[in-house]
Amino acid sequence: MEFPFFPGVLTPTEIEQGLSFGINQFKFFPSEASGGASKLEVVFAPYAHLGVKFIPSGGININNLEEYLVLNQSMACRYKGNIPDDIINMLNSKKYLFSGH
């Protein structure tokens, strides 16, 4: 049986190890404590040509959610809490899709 598996990474070394096992989707955790969206954008950019994607998690809140969602490296974000309807509408207007809150 197959199931989704997103190992947590913080460094290029950990990404390289995952790639050696055929994994190209990772959880970036803890996102904010590890440098936030700017680290995800800059440090992991060299892996874009390999189709590497991330699910940022940890420290993401309503004030920084969009910073992660706009990155090409992000395939989704893990956010705990309620997202107000006005934020959902704003993000949906920018082509982000939410199935609920």
C-alpha atoms as a PDB file:
ATOM      1  CA  MET A   1       0.000   0.000   0.000  1.00  0.00           C
ATOM      2  CA  GLU A   2       1.308   3.445  -0.909  1.00  0.00           C
ATOM      3  CA  PHE A   3       0.799   6.517   1.239  1.00  0.00           C
ATOM      4  CA  PRO A   4       2.037  10.113   1.166  1.00  0.00           C
ATOM      5  CA  PHE A   5       5.400  10.544   2.870  1.00  0.00           C
ATOM      6  CA  PHE A   6       7.000  13.942   3.399  1.00  0.00           C
ATOM      7  CA  PRO A   7      10.198  13.706   5.456  1.00  0.00           C
ATOM      8  CA  GLY A   8      11.185  16.840   7.329  1.00  0.00           C
ATOM      9  CA  VAL A   9      14.272  18.675   6.094  1.00  0.00           C
ATOM     10  CA  LEU A  10      16.257  21.752   7.066  1.00  0.00           C
ATOM     11  CA  THR A  11      19.439  21.423   5.045  1.00  0.00           C
ATOM     12  CA  PRO A  12      20.549  20.669   1.496  1.00  0.00           C
ATOM     13  CA  THR A  13      22.279  17.554   2.849  1.00  0.00           C
ATOM     14  CA  GLU A  14      18.935  16.199   4.039  1.00  0.00           C
ATOM     15  CA  ILE A  15      17.372  16.973   0.664  1.00  0.00           C
ATOM     16  CA  GLU A  16      20.227  15.181  -1.101  1.00  0.00           C
ATOM     17  CA  GLN A  17      19.652  12.147   1.097  1.00  0.00           C
ATOM     18  CA  GLY A  18      15.928  12.180   0.286  1.00  0.00           C
ATOM     19  CA  LEU A  19      16.649  12.519  -3.422  1.00  0.00           C
ATOM     20  CA  SER A  20      18.920   9.476  -3.228  1.00  0.00           C
ATOM     21  CA  PHE A  21      15.837   7.516  -2.097  1.00  0.00           C
ATOM     22  CA  GLY A  22      13.681   8.933  -4.895  1.00  0.00           C
ATOM     23  CA  ILE A  23      11.871  11.444  -2.674  1.00  0.00           C
ATOM     24  CA  ASN A  24      11.275  14.929  -4.056  1.00  0.00           C
ATOM     25  CA  GLN A  25       8.569  16.260  -1.723  1.00  0.00           C
ATOM     26  CA  PHE A  26       9.542  17.340   1.775  1.00  0.00           C
ATOM     27  CA  LYS A  27       8.226  19.045   4.879  1.00  0.00           C
ATOM     28  CA  PHE A  28      10.246  22.171   5.752  1.00  0.00           C
ATOM     29  CA  PHE A  29      10.064  22.090   9.560  1.00  0.00           C
ATOM     30  CA  PRO A  30      10.252  24.153  11.685  1.00  0.00           C
ATOM     31  CA  SER A  31       9.835  26.779   8.999  1.00  0.00           C
ATOM     32  CA  GLU A  32       9.873  30.057  10.866  1.00  0.00           C
ATOM     33  CA  ALA A  33      12.496  29.049  13.441  1.00  0.00           C
ATOM     34  CA  SER A  34      14.765  27.887  10.616  1.00  0.00           C
ATOM     35  CA  GLY A  35      14.777  31.057   8.536  1.00  0.00           C
ATOM     36  CA  GLY A  36      11.266  31.291   7.164  1.00  0.00           C
ATOM     37  CA  ALA A  37      10.123  31.821   3.607  1.00  0.00           C
ATOM     38  CA  SER A  38      13.351  33.601   2.642  1.00  0.00           C
ATOM     39  CA  LYS A  39      15.423  30.497   3.499  1.00  0.00           C
ATOM     40  CA  LEU A  40      13.039  28.282   1.599  1.00  0.00           C
ATOM     41  CA  GLU A  41      13.274  30.553  -1.426  1.00  0.00           C
ATOM     42  CA  VAL A  42      17.051  31.068  -1.483  1.00  0.00           C
ATOM     43  CA  VAL A  43      18.674  27.968  -0.006  1.00  0.00           C
ATOM     44  CA  PHE A  44      16.469  25.436  -1.739  1.00  0.00           C
ATOM     45  CA  ALA A  45      16.179  27.201  -5.124  1.00  0.00           C
ATOM     46  CA  PRO A  46      18.950  25.047  -6.683  1.00  0.00           C
ATOM     47  CA  TYR A  47      16.616  22.042  -6.448  1.00  0.00           C
ATOM     48  CA  ALA A  48      13.825  23.579  -8.544  1.00  0.00           C
ATOM     49  CA  HIS A  49      15.017  21.881 -11.740  1.00  0.00           C
ATOM     50  CA  LEU A  50      14.547  18.524  -9.994  1.00  0.00           C
ATOM     51  CA  GLY A  51      10.912  19.259  -9.202  1.00  0.00           C
ATOM     52  CA  VAL A  52      11.560  19.396  -5.458  1.00  0.00           C
ATOM     53  CA  LYS A  53       8.612  20.832  -3.523  1.00  0.00           C
ATOM     54  CA  PHE A  54       8.033  21.629   0.134  1.00  0.00           C
ATOM     55  CA  ILE A  55       5.244  21.794   2.692  1.00  0.00           C
ATOM     56  CA  PRO A  56       6.321  24.498   5.116  1.00  0.00           C
ATOM     57  CA  SER A  57       5.214  23.796   8.676  1.00  0.00           C
ATOM     58  CA  GLY A  58       5.907  25.337  12.056  1.00  0.00           C
ATOM     59  CA  GLY A  59       5.382  28.950  12.982  1.00  0.00           C
ATOM     60  CA  ILE A  60       3.168  29.719  10.019  1.00  0.00           C
ATOM     61  CA  ASN A  61       0.398  32.117  10.916  1.00  0.00           C
ATOM     62  CA  ILE A  62      -2.101  34.393   9.263  1.00  0.00           C
ATOM     63  CA  ASN A  63       0.540  37.125   8.934  1.00  0.00           C
ATOM     64  CA  ASN A  64       3.105  35.048   7.013  1.00  0.00           C
ATOM     65  CA  LEU A  65       0.965  32.444   5.242  1.00  0.00           C
ATOM     66  CA  GLU A  66       0.990  34.216   1.880  1.00  0.00           C
ATOM     67  CA  GLU A  67       4.813  34.559   1.990  1.00  0.00           C
ATOM     68  CA  TYR A  68       5.005  30.770   1.768  1.00  0.00           C
ATOM     69  CA  LEU A  69       2.143  30.212  -0.644  1.00  0.00           C
ATOM     70  CA  VAL A  70       3.607  32.484  -3.328  1.00  0.00           C
ATOM     71  CA  LEU A  71       6.875  30.530  -3.491  1.00  0.00           C
ATOM     72  CA  ASN A  72       7.369  28.125  -6.375  1.00  0.00           C
ATOM     73  CA  GLN A  73       8.992  25.756  -3.893  1.00  0.00           C
ATOM     74  CA  SER A  74       5.791  25.450  -1.818  1.00  0.00           C
ATOM     75  CA  MET A  75       3.243  22.822  -2.767  1.00  0.00           C
ATOM     76  CA  ALA A  76       1.083  23.529   0.307  1.00  0.00           C
ATOM     77  CA  CYS A  77       1.382  24.985   3.800  1.00  0.00           C
ATOM     78  CA  ARG A  78       0.543  23.512   7.152  1.00  0.00           C
ATOM     79  CA  TYR A  79      -1.321  26.068   9.208  1.00  0.00           C
ATOM     80  CA  LYS A  80      -3.190  25.395  12.425  1.00  0.00           C
ATOM     81  CA  GLY A  81      -6.116  27.634  13.118  1.00  0.00           C
ATOM     82  CA  ASN A  82      -9.030  29.262  11.439  1.00  0.00           C
ATOM     83  CA  ILE A  83      -8.430  31.336   8.370  1.00  0.00           C
ATOM     84  CA  PRO A  84     -10.848  34.260   8.199  1.00  0.00           C
ATOM     85  CA  ASP A  85     -13.095  34.359   5.137  1.00  0.00           C
ATOM     86  CA  ASP A  86     -11.583  37.632   3.920  1.00  0.00           C
ATOM     87  CA  ILE A  87      -8.125  36.041   3.828  1.00  0.00           C
ATOM     88  CA  ILE A  88      -9.481  32.970   2.004  1.00  0.00           C
ATOM     89  CA  ASN A  89     -11.183  35.239  -0.551  1.00  0.00           C
ATOM     90  CA  MET A  90      -7.994  37.261  -1.025  1.00  0.00           C
ATOM     91  CA  LEU A  91      -5.874  34.142  -1.508  1.00  0.00           C
ATOM     92  CA  ASN A  92      -8.441  32.547  -3.833  1.00  0.00           C
ATOM     93  CA  SER A  93      -8.396  35.706  -5.946  1.00  0.00           C
ATOM     94  CA  LYS A  94      -4.676  35.080  -6.441  1.00  0.00           C
ATOM     95  CA  LYS A  95      -5.376  31.519  -7.650  1.00  0.00           C
ATOM     96  CA  TYR A  96      -4.725  29.718  -4.364  1.00  0.00           C
ATOM     97  CA  LEU A  97      -7.359  27.082  -3.745  1.00  0.00           C
ATOM     98  CA  PHE A  98      -8.842  26.282  -0.360  1.00  0.00           C
ATOM     99  CA  SER A  99     -11.197  23.375   0.120  1.00  0.00           C
ATOM    100  CA  GLY A 100     -12.331  24.576   3.513  1.00  0.00           C
ATOM    101  CA  HIS A 101     -11.089  26.000   6.765  1.00  0.00           C
END
